[in-house]
Amino acid sequence: MQEPSIFDIDYHFVRERVAKKLLDVRFISSQDQVADGFTKALAVEDLGRFRRNLNLVTLRLSGAQALAAIAADSGVPQMEAV
């Protein structure tokens, strides 16, 4: 007897949850697949939509401000300007 594949197990798991109304499966168009932004090259407009969906923003900082922001996020002690 052949072992069930992971696909078979996942399919039955999802099917049971849908039957018990614990899971609602909905169609997501390929244009709205968020994972594509991590796995595919995107056109400029698609990249913009991807960034907005992730709530990413562009920070416009001067060189010193950018270095201070990076240091603050990294946990590295900051040096004061002289």
N, C-alpha and C. Protein backbone atom coordinates (compact mmCIF):
# COMPACT_ATOMS: atom_id res chain seq x y z
N MET A 1 0.84 -1.19 0.00
CA MET A 1 0.00 0.00 0.00
C MET A 1 0.89 1.25 0.00
N GLN A 2 0.52 2.21 -0.80
CA GLN A 2 1.30 3.44 -0.94
C GLN A 2 0.92 4.44 0.17
N GLU A 3 1.93 5.13 0.72
CA GLU A 3 1.67 6.14 1.76
C GLU A 3 0.98 7.34 1.13
N PRO A 4 0.10 7.97 1.89
CA PRO A 4 -0.56 9.18 1.36
C PRO A 4 0.47 10.31 1.21
N SER A 5 0.32 11.09 0.18
CA SER A 5 1.23 12.22 -0.03
C SER A 5 0.79 13.37 0.87
N ILE A 6 1.69 14.33 1.03
CA ILE A 6 1.36 15.51 1.84
C ILE A 6 0.18 16.26 1.21
N PHE A 7 0.07 16.21 -0.12
CA PHE A 7 -1.06 16.85 -0.78
C PHE A 7 -2.37 16.19 -0.35
N ASP A 8 -2.39 14.86 -0.30
CA ASP A 8 -3.60 14.14 0.11
C ASP A 8 -4.00 14.51 1.53
N ILE A 9 -3.00 14.57 2.40
CA ILE A 9 -3.27 14.90 3.81
C ILE A 9 -3.80 16.32 3.93
N ASP A 10 -3.15 17.28 3.24
CA ASP A 10 -3.60 18.67 3.28
C ASP A 10 -5.00 18.82 2.71
N TYR A 11 -5.27 18.14 1.60
CA TYR A 11 -6.58 18.22 0.97
C TYR A 11 -7.67 17.75 1.93
N HIS A 12 -7.45 16.62 2.58
CA HIS A 12 -8.46 16.09 3.49
C HIS A 12 -8.60 16.97 4.74
N PHE A 13 -7.50 17.52 5.21
CA PHE A 13 -7.54 18.43 6.36
C PHE A 13 -8.41 19.64 6.03
N VAL A 14 -8.16 20.25 4.89
CA VAL A 14 -8.93 21.44 4.47
C VAL A 14 -10.38 21.06 4.23
N ARG A 15 -10.62 19.95 3.54
CA ARG A 15 -11.99 19.51 3.25
C ARG A 15 -12.80 19.30 4.53
N GLU A 16 -12.19 18.69 5.54
CA GLU A 16 -12.89 18.47 6.81
C GLU A 16 -13.24 19.80 7.48
N ARG A 17 -12.30 20.75 7.45
CA ARG A 17 -12.54 22.05 8.10
C ARG A 17 -13.64 22.83 7.39
N VAL A 18 -13.67 22.74 6.07
CA VAL A 18 -14.72 23.41 5.30
C VAL A 18 -16.07 22.78 5.62
N ALA A 19 -16.13 21.46 5.69
CA ALA A 19 -17.38 20.76 5.99
C ALA A 19 -17.91 21.14 7.38
N LYS A 20 -17.00 21.36 8.33
CA LYS A 20 -17.40 21.75 9.69
C LYS A 20 -17.60 23.26 9.84
N LYS A 21 -17.45 23.98 8.72
CA LYS A 21 -17.59 25.44 8.69
C LYS A 21 -16.59 26.13 9.61
N LEU A 22 -15.41 25.54 9.75
CA LEU A 22 -14.33 26.13 10.52
C LEU A 22 -13.36 26.91 9.62
N LEU A 23 -13.51 26.71 8.32
CA LEU A 23 -12.63 27.35 7.35
C LEU A 23 -13.44 27.78 6.15
N ASP A 24 -13.18 28.98 5.70
CA ASP A 24 -13.86 29.52 4.52
C ASP A 24 -12.82 29.70 3.43
N VAL A 25 -12.93 28.95 2.35
CA VAL A 25 -11.97 29.00 1.25
C VAL A 25 -12.52 29.95 0.20
N ARG A 26 -11.69 30.91 -0.18
CA ARG A 26 -12.11 31.90 -1.17
C ARG A 26 -11.08 32.01 -2.28
N PHE A 27 -11.52 32.37 -3.46
CA PHE A 27 -10.64 32.57 -4.60
C PHE A 27 -9.89 33.89 -4.43
N ILE A 28 -8.59 33.85 -4.69
CA ILE A 28 -7.76 35.06 -4.71
C ILE A 28 -7.16 35.14 -6.11
N SER A 29 -7.42 36.25 -6.79
CA SER A 29 -6.91 36.39 -8.16
C SER A 29 -5.39 36.43 -8.13
N SER A 30 -4.77 36.06 -9.23
CA SER A 30 -3.31 36.04 -9.29
C SER A 30 -2.73 37.44 -9.11
N GLN A 31 -3.49 38.46 -9.46
CA GLN A 31 -3.04 39.84 -9.27
C GLN A 31 -2.92 40.19 -7.79
N ASP A 32 -3.70 39.54 -6.94
CA ASP A 32 -3.71 39.85 -5.52
C ASP A 32 -2.91 38.87 -4.67
N GLN A 33 -2.16 37.99 -5.28
CA GLN A 33 -1.35 37.03 -4.53
C GLN A 33 -0.14 37.75 -3.93
N VAL A 34 -0.16 38.00 -2.64
CA VAL A 34 0.90 38.75 -1.98
C VAL A 34 2.24 38.02 -2.08
N ALA A 35 2.23 36.71 -2.06
CA ALA A 35 3.48 35.95 -2.10
C ALA A 35 4.27 36.22 -3.37
N ASP A 36 3.62 36.61 -4.45
CA ASP A 36 4.33 36.87 -5.70
C ASP A 36 5.38 37.96 -5.53
N GLY A 37 5.14 38.90 -4.65
CA GLY A 37 6.12 39.96 -4.41
C GLY A 37 7.42 39.44 -3.84
N PHE A 38 7.37 38.30 -3.18
CA PHE A 38 8.58 37.70 -2.62
C PHE A 38 9.24 36.71 -3.58
N THR A 39 8.51 36.24 -4.57
CA THR A 39 9.02 35.15 -5.40
C THR A 39 9.19 35.49 -6.87
N LYS A 40 8.69 36.62 -7.33
CA LYS A 40 8.74 36.95 -8.75
C LYS A 40 9.22 38.37 -8.96
N ALA A 41 9.80 38.62 -10.12
CA ALA A 41 10.13 39.98 -10.51
C ALA A 41 8.82 40.70 -10.82
N LEU A 42 8.65 41.90 -10.29
CA LEU A 42 7.41 42.63 -10.48
C LEU A 42 7.64 43.88 -11.31
N ALA A 43 6.64 44.24 -12.10
CA ALA A 43 6.67 45.52 -12.81
C ALA A 43 6.59 46.63 -11.77
N VAL A 44 7.00 47.82 -12.14
CA VAL A 44 7.06 48.95 -11.21
C VAL A 44 5.71 49.18 -10.52
N GLU A 45 4.62 49.17 -11.29
CA GLU A 45 3.30 49.43 -10.68
C GLU A 45 2.90 48.28 -9.74
N ASP A 46 3.25 47.04 -10.10
CA ASP A 46 2.94 45.90 -9.23
C ASP A 46 3.78 45.96 -7.95
N LEU A 47 5.03 46.40 -8.07
CA LEU A 47 5.88 46.55 -6.89
C LEU A 47 5.30 47.60 -5.95
N GLY A 48 4.80 48.69 -6.50
CA GLY A 48 4.18 49.71 -5.66
C GLY A 48 2.96 49.17 -4.93
N ARG A 49 2.12 48.41 -5.62
CA ARG A 49 0.94 47.82 -4.98
C ARG A 49 1.36 46.82 -3.90
N PHE A 50 2.40 46.03 -4.19
CA PHE A 50 2.92 45.07 -3.22
C PHE A 50 3.40 45.79 -1.96
N ARG A 51 4.15 46.86 -2.12
CA ARG A 51 4.66 47.60 -0.97
C ARG A 51 3.50 48.21 -0.16
N ARG A 52 2.49 48.73 -0.84
CA ARG A 52 1.35 49.30 -0.11
C ARG A 52 0.60 48.21 0.66
N ASN A 53 0.45 47.02 0.06
CA ASN A 53 -0.23 45.92 0.75
C ASN A 53 0.51 45.48 2.00
N LEU A 54 1.82 45.63 2.00
CA LEU A 54 2.62 45.27 3.18
C LEU A 54 2.78 46.44 4.14
N ASN A 55 2.18 47.58 3.79
CA ASN A 55 2.30 48.81 4.60
C ASN A 55 3.74 49.27 4.72
N LEU A 56 4.52 49.11 3.65
CA LEU A 56 5.88 49.62 3.62
C LEU A 56 5.86 51.06 3.13
N VAL A 57 6.69 51.88 3.71
CA VAL A 57 6.76 53.27 3.32
C VAL A 57 8.20 53.63 2.97
N THR A 58 8.37 54.67 2.20
CA THR A 58 9.69 55.17 1.87
C THR A 58 10.03 56.30 2.83
N LEU A 59 11.17 56.17 3.47
CA LEU A 59 11.64 57.23 4.36
C LEU A 59 12.66 58.07 3.60
N ARG A 60 12.48 59.35 3.65
CA ARG A 60 13.43 60.25 3.00
C ARG A 60 14.24 60.91 4.12
N LEU A 61 15.44 60.39 4.33
CA LEU A 61 16.30 60.88 5.40
C LEU A 61 17.62 61.34 4.84
N SER A 62 18.24 62.29 5.54
CA SER A 62 19.60 62.68 5.16
C SER A 62 20.54 61.56 5.56
N GLY A 63 21.78 61.62 5.13
CA GLY A 63 22.76 60.58 5.44
C GLY A 63 22.89 60.33 6.94
N ALA A 64 23.00 61.39 7.75
CA ALA A 64 23.17 61.24 9.19
C ALA A 64 21.91 60.67 9.83
N GLN A 65 20.73 61.10 9.36
CA GLN A 65 19.48 60.58 9.90
C GLN A 65 19.32 59.10 9.56
N ALA A 66 19.68 58.72 8.35
CA ALA A 66 19.57 57.32 7.93
C ALA A 66 20.48 56.44 8.76
N LEU A 67 21.72 56.87 9.00
CA LEU A 67 22.65 56.09 9.82
C LEU A 67 22.13 55.96 11.25
N ALA A 68 21.58 57.03 11.79
CA ALA A 68 21.04 56.98 13.15
C ALA A 68 19.85 56.03 13.22
N ALA A 69 18.99 56.05 12.20
CA ALA A 69 17.83 55.15 12.18
C ALA A 69 18.26 53.71 12.09
N ILE A 70 19.26 53.42 11.26
CA ILE A 70 19.77 52.05 11.13
C ILE A 70 20.38 51.59 12.44
N ALA A 71 21.17 52.45 13.07
CA ALA A 71 21.81 52.09 14.35
C ALA A 71 20.76 51.86 15.42
N ALA A 72 19.72 52.66 15.43
CA ALA A 72 18.65 52.50 16.44
C ALA A 72 17.95 51.17 16.28
N ASP A 73 17.71 50.75 15.03
CA ASP A 73 17.04 49.48 14.77
C ASP A 73 17.92 48.27 15.04
N SER A 74 19.25 48.45 14.94
CA SER A 74 20.15 47.32 15.06
C SER A 74 20.57 47.03 16.50
N GLY A 75 20.28 47.98 17.41
CA GLY A 75 20.69 47.79 18.79
C GLY A 75 22.13 48.20 19.03
N VAL A 76 22.80 48.74 18.02
CA VAL A 76 24.19 49.20 18.16
C VAL A 76 24.16 50.56 18.84
N PRO A 77 25.01 50.76 19.85
CA PRO A 77 25.03 52.08 20.51
C PRO A 77 25.35 53.19 19.52
N GLN A 78 24.66 54.30 19.65
CA GLN A 78 24.86 55.41 18.74
C GLN A 78 25.94 56.33 19.30
N MET A 79 26.71 56.94 18.39
CA MET A 79 27.71 57.91 18.79
C MET A 79 27.10 59.29 18.58
N GLU A 80 27.38 60.19 19.50
CA GLU A 80 26.87 61.53 19.36
C GLU A 80 27.75 62.32 18.40
N ALA A 81 27.11 63.20 17.63
CA ALA A 81 27.86 64.06 16.72
C ALA A 81 28.63 65.09 17.53
N VAL A 82 29.83 65.38 17.08
CA VAL A 82 30.69 66.35 17.79
C VAL A 82 30.58 67.70 17.12
